Amino acid sequence: MKKQRNVMLLCAVVLLFLFSGCMRRISFAETLKANWDLTIPSGYTILYETDTGASFHGDGVRYDVLEYEDDSALEDLVDWREEQLPTRYADSETQAAAECLERLDVPAEWEIPDGDCRYCCITKDYCEMILLWHTPDQRLYLIQNLV
């Protein structure tokens, strides 16, 4: 009887450790680091996020709007450009962003504003992530096109 209770207790402890490790929620910053080797500066608030939903292969579009109280740390995040360049799938970053956002039901208030943006496009395998830094409102718009 005592041996059976000890075995049950040991099983419960092992299950607790297994589930506590599996249940840990990975942060947004950790996901970007793992998927894109991009370390975003802390001090942001996620204002809006959406995606195309779960898929078997993990493909789809993810869209996030981050706001910084002090966006000066974004200066060194990537090699920002004032002008747009073609991406893998479109003629410019804003065109690629617009095509990705067409697949999502994004309310008008969370669409990317025109003008005053700095641009960067990161590619990995067949995927691309478009970063638009809208300096007037200190917001970073991230569009991940996962193929």
N, C-alpha and C. Protein backbone atom coordinates (compact mmCIF):
# COMPACT_ATOMS: atom_id res chain seq x y z
N MET A 1 0.82 -1.19 0.00
CA MET A 1 0.00 0.00 0.00
C MET A 1 0.87 1.26 0.00
N LYS A 2 1.89 1.26 0.89
CA LYS A 2 2.77 2.42 0.99
C LYS A 2 3.59 2.58 -0.29
N LYS A 3 4.01 1.45 -0.87
CA LYS A 3 4.78 1.48 -2.10
C LYS A 3 3.94 2.04 -3.26
N GLN A 4 2.69 1.64 -3.31
CA GLN A 4 1.78 2.11 -4.36
C GLN A 4 1.56 3.62 -4.23
N ARG A 5 1.43 4.09 -3.01
CA ARG A 5 1.24 5.53 -2.77
C ARG A 5 2.48 6.30 -3.20
N ASN A 6 3.67 5.79 -2.93
CA ASN A 6 4.91 6.44 -3.33
C ASN A 6 5.05 6.50 -4.85
N VAL A 7 4.65 5.42 -5.52
CA VAL A 7 4.70 5.39 -6.99
C VAL A 7 3.73 6.43 -7.56
N MET A 8 2.54 6.50 -6.99
CA MET A 8 1.53 7.48 -7.45
C MET A 8 2.04 8.91 -7.23
N LEU A 9 2.65 9.15 -6.09
CA LEU A 9 3.19 10.47 -5.78
C LEU A 9 4.32 10.83 -6.74
N LEU A 10 5.18 9.88 -7.03
CA LEU A 10 6.27 10.10 -7.98
C LEU A 10 5.72 10.41 -9.37
N CYS A 11 4.72 9.68 -9.80
CA CYS A 11 4.09 9.94 -11.11
C CYS A 11 3.47 11.33 -11.15
N ALA A 12 2.83 11.72 -10.08
CA ALA A 12 2.21 13.05 -10.02
C ALA A 12 3.26 14.13 -10.11
N VAL A 13 4.39 13.97 -9.45
CA VAL A 13 5.47 14.96 -9.49
C VAL A 13 6.07 15.04 -10.89
N VAL A 14 6.30 13.89 -11.51
CA VAL A 14 6.85 13.86 -12.87
C VAL A 14 5.89 14.55 -13.84
N LEU A 15 4.61 14.25 -13.74
CA LEU A 15 3.62 14.90 -14.61
C LEU A 15 3.56 16.40 -14.37
N LEU A 16 3.67 16.81 -13.14
CA LEU A 16 3.66 18.24 -12.82
C LEU A 16 4.83 18.94 -13.49
N PHE A 17 6.02 18.36 -13.42
CA PHE A 17 7.19 18.96 -14.07
C PHE A 17 7.04 18.97 -15.58
N LEU A 18 6.53 17.92 -16.15
CA LEU A 18 6.34 17.87 -17.60
C LEU A 18 5.36 18.93 -18.07
N PHE A 19 4.21 19.01 -17.40
CA PHE A 19 3.20 19.96 -17.83
C PHE A 19 3.58 21.40 -17.54
N SER A 20 4.30 21.65 -16.49
CA SER A 20 4.69 23.03 -16.20
C SER A 20 5.68 23.53 -17.24
N GLY A 21 6.54 22.66 -17.75
CA GLY A 21 7.45 23.05 -18.81
C GLY A 21 6.75 23.23 -20.14
N CYS A 22 5.77 22.40 -20.40
CA CYS A 22 5.03 22.48 -21.67
C CYS A 22 4.05 23.64 -21.69
N MET A 23 3.62 24.09 -20.54
CA MET A 23 2.60 25.12 -20.47
C MET A 23 3.18 26.53 -20.49
N ARG A 24 4.51 26.66 -20.45
CA ARG A 24 5.13 27.99 -20.44
C ARG A 24 4.82 28.71 -21.74
N ARG A 25 4.30 29.90 -21.61
CA ARG A 25 3.96 30.71 -22.78
C ARG A 25 5.21 31.43 -23.26
N ILE A 26 5.50 31.29 -24.53
CA ILE A 26 6.67 31.94 -25.12
C ILE A 26 6.28 33.37 -25.47
N SER A 27 7.11 34.31 -25.10
CA SER A 27 6.79 35.72 -25.33
C SER A 27 6.95 36.08 -26.80
N PHE A 28 6.37 37.20 -27.16
CA PHE A 28 6.47 37.72 -28.53
C PHE A 28 7.93 37.94 -28.91
N ALA A 29 8.70 38.54 -28.01
CA ALA A 29 10.11 38.81 -28.28
C ALA A 29 10.90 37.51 -28.47
N GLU A 30 10.59 36.48 -27.67
CA GLU A 30 11.27 35.19 -27.81
C GLU A 30 10.95 34.53 -29.15
N THR A 31 9.72 34.68 -29.61
CA THR A 31 9.32 34.12 -30.89
C THR A 31 10.07 34.79 -32.04
N LEU A 32 10.17 36.12 -31.99
CA LEU A 32 10.91 36.84 -33.04
C LEU A 32 12.38 36.45 -33.03
N LYS A 33 12.94 36.29 -31.86
CA LYS A 33 14.35 35.88 -31.76
C LYS A 33 14.54 34.49 -32.34
N ALA A 34 13.66 33.57 -32.01
CA ALA A 34 13.79 32.19 -32.50
C ALA A 34 13.56 32.09 -34.00
N ASN A 35 12.54 32.78 -34.51
CA ASN A 35 12.18 32.66 -35.92
C ASN A 35 13.02 33.52 -36.86
N TRP A 36 13.41 34.72 -36.40
CA TRP A 36 14.06 35.68 -37.29
C TRP A 36 15.42 36.14 -36.81
N ASP A 37 15.88 35.64 -35.68
CA ASP A 37 17.12 36.11 -35.06
C ASP A 37 17.10 37.63 -34.89
N LEU A 38 15.96 38.12 -34.46
CA LEU A 38 15.74 39.56 -34.27
C LEU A 38 15.42 39.81 -32.80
N THR A 39 16.22 40.62 -32.17
CA THR A 39 16.01 40.97 -30.77
C THR A 39 15.42 42.37 -30.71
N ILE A 40 14.12 42.44 -30.47
CA ILE A 40 13.48 43.76 -30.43
C ILE A 40 13.71 44.38 -29.05
N PRO A 41 13.85 45.70 -29.03
CA PRO A 41 14.05 46.38 -27.74
C PRO A 41 12.82 46.24 -26.85
N SER A 42 13.07 46.18 -25.56
CA SER A 42 11.96 46.12 -24.61
C SER A 42 11.30 47.49 -24.52
N GLY A 43 10.25 47.58 -23.75
CA GLY A 43 9.56 48.85 -23.57
C GLY A 43 8.44 49.08 -24.56
N TYR A 44 7.96 48.02 -25.17
CA TYR A 44 6.86 48.15 -26.13
C TYR A 44 5.56 47.66 -25.53
N THR A 45 4.48 48.12 -26.14
CA THR A 45 3.15 47.62 -25.84
C THR A 45 2.58 47.08 -27.14
N ILE A 46 2.05 45.87 -27.09
CA ILE A 46 1.41 45.31 -28.28
C ILE A 46 0.00 45.89 -28.35
N LEU A 47 -0.21 46.75 -29.32
CA LEU A 47 -1.52 47.40 -29.47
C LEU A 47 -2.51 46.54 -30.23
N TYR A 48 -1.99 45.80 -31.20
CA TYR A 48 -2.88 45.00 -32.06
C TYR A 48 -2.09 43.82 -32.59
N GLU A 49 -2.74 42.66 -32.67
CA GLU A 49 -2.13 41.49 -33.27
C GLU A 49 -3.21 40.61 -33.87
N THR A 50 -2.89 40.04 -35.01
CA THR A 50 -3.81 39.11 -35.66
C THR A 50 -2.99 38.21 -36.58
N ASP A 51 -3.60 37.12 -37.00
CA ASP A 51 -2.95 36.23 -37.95
C ASP A 51 -4.02 35.48 -38.73
N THR A 52 -3.57 34.70 -39.69
CA THR A 52 -4.50 33.96 -40.54
C THR A 52 -5.00 32.69 -39.88
N GLY A 53 -4.54 32.39 -38.69
CA GLY A 53 -5.02 31.22 -37.96
C GLY A 53 -4.03 30.07 -38.03
N ALA A 54 -4.37 29.04 -37.31
CA ALA A 54 -3.51 27.86 -37.24
C ALA A 54 -3.47 27.15 -38.59
N SER A 55 -2.30 26.61 -38.88
CA SER A 55 -2.17 25.80 -40.09
C SER A 55 -1.21 24.65 -39.80
N PHE A 56 -1.33 23.61 -40.56
CA PHE A 56 -0.54 22.40 -40.32
C PHE A 56 0.96 22.67 -40.44
N HIS A 57 1.34 23.49 -41.42
CA HIS A 57 2.76 23.76 -41.67
C HIS A 57 3.25 25.04 -41.00
N GLY A 58 2.38 25.77 -40.33
CA GLY A 58 2.78 27.01 -39.68
C GLY A 58 2.87 28.19 -40.64
N ASP A 59 2.34 28.02 -41.85
CA ASP A 59 2.38 29.11 -42.81
C ASP A 59 1.22 30.06 -42.58
N GLY A 60 1.29 31.22 -43.22
CA GLY A 60 0.25 32.22 -43.09
C GLY A 60 0.85 33.59 -42.87
N VAL A 61 0.01 34.52 -42.44
CA VAL A 61 0.43 35.90 -42.21
C VAL A 61 0.18 36.25 -40.76
N ARG A 62 1.15 36.91 -40.16
CA ARG A 62 1.01 37.44 -38.80
C ARG A 62 1.27 38.94 -38.87
N TYR A 63 0.46 39.68 -38.14
CA TYR A 63 0.55 41.14 -38.16
C TYR A 63 0.50 41.66 -36.73
N ASP A 64 1.47 42.50 -36.39
CA ASP A 64 1.56 43.06 -35.05
C ASP A 64 1.85 44.55 -35.13
N VAL A 65 1.22 45.29 -34.24
CA VAL A 65 1.47 46.73 -34.11
C VAL A 65 1.99 46.97 -32.70
N LEU A 66 3.22 47.45 -32.61
CA LEU A 66 3.84 47.74 -31.33
C LEU A 66 4.00 49.24 -31.17
N GLU A 67 3.82 49.70 -29.95
CA GLU A 67 4.03 51.12 -29.67
C GLU A 67 5.11 51.24 -28.60
N TYR A 68 6.02 52.17 -28.83
CA TYR A 68 7.09 52.44 -27.88
C TYR A 68 6.88 53.80 -27.25
N GLU A 69 7.12 53.88 -25.95
CA GLU A 69 7.08 55.17 -25.29
C GLU A 69 8.30 55.98 -25.72
N ASP A 70 9.44 55.29 -25.85
CA ASP A 70 10.67 55.89 -26.35
C ASP A 70 11.19 54.97 -27.44
N ASP A 71 11.05 55.40 -28.69
CA ASP A 71 11.42 54.52 -29.80
C ASP A 71 12.86 54.70 -30.26
N SER A 72 13.68 55.40 -29.51
CA SER A 72 15.07 55.63 -29.92
C SER A 72 15.86 54.32 -30.02
N ALA A 73 15.49 53.31 -29.25
CA ALA A 73 16.18 52.02 -29.31
C ALA A 73 15.95 51.31 -30.64
N LEU A 74 14.90 51.69 -31.36
CA LEU A 74 14.63 51.07 -32.66
C LEU A 74 15.67 51.46 -33.71
N GLU A 75 16.36 52.56 -33.47
CA GLU A 75 17.35 53.05 -34.43
C GLU A 75 18.37 51.98 -34.80
N ASP A 76 18.79 51.19 -33.84
CA ASP A 76 19.82 50.17 -34.07
C ASP A 76 19.26 48.76 -34.27
N LEU A 77 17.96 48.64 -34.37
CA LEU A 77 17.34 47.32 -34.51
C LEU A 77 17.75 46.63 -35.81
N VAL A 78 17.63 47.34 -36.92
CA VAL A 78 17.95 46.82 -38.25
C VAL A 78 18.55 47.96 -39.07
N ASP A 79 18.92 47.68 -40.29
CA ASP A 79 19.39 48.72 -41.21
C ASP A 79 18.17 49.35 -41.88
N TRP A 80 17.66 50.40 -41.28
CA TRP A 80 16.46 51.07 -41.80
C TRP A 80 16.80 51.83 -43.07
N ARG A 81 15.80 51.95 -43.94
CA ARG A 81 15.92 52.74 -45.16
C ARG A 81 14.77 53.74 -45.22
N GLU A 82 15.02 54.86 -45.82
CA GLU A 82 13.98 55.86 -46.04
C GLU A 82 13.18 55.53 -47.31
N GLU A 83 13.84 54.87 -48.27
CA GLU A 83 13.18 54.52 -49.52
C GLU A 83 12.82 53.04 -49.50
N GLN A 84 11.83 52.70 -50.29
CA GLN A 84 11.37 51.32 -50.36
C GLN A 84 12.11 50.57 -51.45
N LEU A 85 12.28 49.28 -51.22
CA LEU A 85 12.89 48.40 -52.20
C LEU A 85 11.95 47.23 -52.46
N PRO A 86 12.15 46.54 -53.56
CA PRO A 86 11.32 45.36 -53.81
C PRO A 86 11.57 44.28 -52.76
N THR A 87 10.54 43.50 -52.48
CA THR A 87 10.68 42.35 -51.59
C THR A 87 10.69 41.10 -52.47
N ARG A 88 10.73 39.96 -51.86
CA ARG A 88 10.73 38.71 -52.62
C ARG A 88 9.45 38.55 -53.43
N TYR A 89 8.31 39.04 -52.90
CA TYR A 89 7.02 38.79 -53.53
C TYR A 89 6.29 40.04 -54.03
N ALA A 90 6.90 41.22 -53.90
CA ALA A 90 6.20 42.45 -54.31
C ALA A 90 7.23 43.49 -54.76
N ASP A 91 6.71 44.57 -55.35
CA ASP A 91 7.58 45.63 -55.86
C ASP A 91 8.08 46.58 -54.78
N SER A 92 7.44 46.57 -53.59
CA SER A 92 7.87 47.44 -52.49
C SER A 92 7.38 46.86 -51.17
N GLU A 93 7.94 47.39 -50.08
CA GLU A 93 7.51 46.93 -48.76
C GLU A 93 6.05 47.24 -48.50
N THR A 94 5.59 48.42 -48.88
CA THR A 94 4.19 48.76 -48.61
C THR A 94 3.24 47.92 -49.47
N GLN A 95 3.65 47.60 -50.70
CA GLN A 95 2.82 46.74 -51.53
C GLN A 95 2.76 45.34 -50.93
N ALA A 96 3.90 44.82 -50.48
CA ALA A 96 3.92 43.50 -49.85
C ALA A 96 3.06 43.49 -48.60
N ALA A 97 3.17 44.55 -47.79
CA ALA A 97 2.36 44.65 -46.57
C ALA A 97 0.88 44.68 -46.91
N ALA A 98 0.51 45.48 -47.91
CA ALA A 98 -0.90 45.59 -48.29
C ALA A 98 -1.45 44.24 -48.77
N GLU A 99 -0.65 43.52 -49.55
CA GLU A 99 -1.09 42.21 -50.05
C GLU A 99 -1.26 41.21 -48.90
N CYS A 100 -0.36 41.27 -47.93
CA CYS A 100 -0.49 40.39 -46.76
C CYS A 100 -1.71 40.76 -45.92
N LEU A 101 -1.91 42.06 -45.72
CA LEU A 101 -3.02 42.50 -44.87
C LEU A 101 -4.38 42.26 -45.51
N GLU A 102 -4.42 42.12 -46.84
CA GLU A 102 -5.67 41.76 -47.52
C GLU A 102 -6.18 40.40 -47.05
N ARG A 103 -5.27 39.54 -46.62
CA ARG A 103 -5.65 38.20 -46.15
C ARG A 103 -6.21 38.23 -44.73
N LEU A 104 -6.06 39.37 -44.07
CA LEU A 104 -6.52 39.52 -42.68
C LEU A 104 -7.67 40.53 -42.64
N ASP A 105 -8.45 40.46 -41.62
CA ASP A 105 -9.54 41.42 -41.44
C ASP A 105 -9.08 42.49 -40.45
N VAL A 106 -8.24 43.41 -40.93
CA VAL A 106 -7.64 44.43 -40.07
C VAL A 106 -8.53 45.68 -40.08
N PRO A 107 -8.97 46.13 -38.90
CA PRO A 107 -9.76 47.36 -38.84
C PRO A 107 -8.94 48.56 -39.33
N ALA A 108 -9.60 49.53 -39.88
CA ALA A 108 -8.93 50.69 -40.47
C ALA A 108 -7.99 51.39 -39.48
N GLU A 109 -8.35 51.42 -38.21
CA GLU A 109 -7.51 52.12 -37.23
C GLU A 109 -6.15 51.46 -37.03
N TRP A 110 -5.99 50.18 -37.44
CA TRP A 110 -4.73 49.47 -37.26
C TRP A 110 -3.98 49.25 -38.57
N GLU A 111 -4.48 49.86 -39.64
CA GLU A 111 -3.75 49.77 -40.90
C GLU A 111 -2.50 50.64 -40.83
N ILE A 112 -1.55 50.35 -41.69
CA ILE A 112 -0.28 51.08 -41.70
C ILE A 112 -0.52 52.47 -42.28
N PRO A 113 -0.12 53.52 -41.54
CA PRO A 113 -0.33 54.88 -42.06
C PRO A 113 0.60 55.18 -43.23
N ASP A 114 0.15 56.08 -44.07
CA ASP A 114 0.96 56.51 -45.22
C ASP A 114 2.03 57.49 -44.78
N GLY A 115 3.18 57.40 -45.40
CA GLY A 115 4.25 58.37 -45.20
C GLY A 115 4.96 58.26 -43.86
N ASP A 116 6.08 58.96 -43.77
CA ASP A 116 6.90 59.05 -42.56
C ASP A 116 7.29 57.70 -41.99
N CYS A 117 7.52 56.72 -42.85
CA CYS A 117 7.94 55.40 -42.40
C CYS A 117 9.38 55.15 -42.79
N ARG A 118 10.01 54.29 -42.00
CA ARG A 118 11.32 53.74 -42.34
C ARG A 118 11.09 52.26 -42.57
N TYR A 119 11.86 51.68 -43.48
CA TYR A 119 11.54 50.35 -43.99
C TYR A 119 12.69 49.36 -43.81
N CYS A 120 12.31 48.10 -43.66
CA CYS A 120 13.27 47.00 -43.66
C CYS A 120 12.51 45.72 -44.01
N CYS A 121 13.16 44.85 -44.75
CA CYS A 121 12.59 43.55 -45.09
C CYS A 121 13.64 42.49 -44.77
N ILE A 122 13.25 41.52 -43.98
CA ILE A 122 14.13 40.41 -43.61
C ILE A 122 13.59 39.15 -44.26
N THR A 123 14.45 38.41 -44.93
CA THR A 123 14.03 37.16 -45.55
C THR A 123 14.75 35.99 -44.89
N LYS A 124 14.04 34.88 -44.83
CA LYS A 124 14.61 33.65 -44.29
C LYS A 124 13.91 32.51 -45.00
N ASP A 125 14.69 31.70 -45.69
CA ASP A 125 14.14 30.66 -46.54
C ASP A 125 13.17 31.32 -47.53
N TYR A 126 11.92 30.90 -47.57
CA TYR A 126 10.95 31.52 -48.47
C TYR A 126 10.05 32.52 -47.75
N CYS A 127 10.33 32.76 -46.50
CA CYS A 127 9.50 33.66 -45.70
C CYS A 127 10.11 35.06 -45.71
N GLU A 128 9.28 36.03 -45.40
CA GLU A 128 9.79 37.39 -45.26
C GLU A 128 9.03 38.11 -44.15
N MET A 129 9.76 39.00 -43.49
CA MET A 129 9.15 39.86 -42.49
C MET A 129 9.43 41.30 -42.88
N ILE A 130 8.36 42.06 -42.95
CA ILE A 130 8.45 43.47 -43.30
C ILE A 130 8.28 44.28 -42.03
N LEU A 131 9.21 45.18 -41.79
CA LEU A 131 9.15 46.06 -40.63
C LEU A 131 8.97 47.48 -41.14
N LEU A 132 7.98 48.16 -40.62
CA LEU A 132 7.75 49.57 -40.94
C LEU A 132 7.72 50.34 -39.62
N TRP A 133 8.62 51.27 -39.51
CA TRP A 133 8.71 52.10 -38.31
C TRP A 133 8.11 53.45 -38.63
N HIS A 134 6.94 53.71 -38.09
CA HIS A 134 6.26 55.00 -38.30
C HIS A 134 6.69 55.92 -37.17
N THR A 135 7.62 56.80 -37.47
CA THR A 135 8.27 57.61 -36.43
C THR A 135 7.34 58.62 -35.75
N PRO A 136 6.37 59.24 -36.44
CA PRO A 136 5.54 60.23 -35.73
C PRO A 136 4.77 59.66 -34.54
N ASP A 137 4.26 58.43 -34.67
CA ASP A 137 3.50 57.88 -33.54
C ASP A 137 4.28 56.80 -32.79
N GLN A 138 5.58 56.66 -33.10
CA GLN A 138 6.48 55.73 -32.40
C GLN A 138 5.95 54.30 -32.42
N ARG A 139 5.45 53.91 -33.58
CA ARG A 139 4.91 52.56 -33.73
C ARG A 139 5.75 51.75 -34.70
N LEU A 140 5.84 50.47 -34.38
CA LEU A 140 6.53 49.51 -35.23
C LEU A 140 5.48 48.52 -35.75
N TYR A 141 5.38 48.42 -37.06
CA TYR A 141 4.44 47.50 -37.70
C TYR A 141 5.24 46.33 -38.24
N LEU A 142 4.87 45.11 -37.83
CA LEU A 142 5.58 43.90 -38.27
C LEU A 142 4.61 43.00 -39.02
N ILE A 143 4.98 42.65 -40.23
CA ILE A 143 4.18 41.74 -41.04
C ILE A 143 5.05 40.54 -41.36
N GLN A 144 4.64 39.37 -40.89
CA GLN A 144 5.39 38.15 -41.18
C GLN A 144 4.62 37.33 -42.20
N ASN A 145 5.24 37.11 -43.34
CA ASN A 145 4.65 36.30 -44.39
C ASN A 145 5.37 34.96 -44.36
N LEU A 146 4.73 33.98 -43.76
CA LEU A 146 5.33 32.67 -43.55
C LEU A 146 4.84 31.70 -44.61
N VAL A 147 5.75 31.22 -45.42
CA VAL A 147 5.39 30.35 -46.56
C VAL A 147 5.78 28.94 -46.26
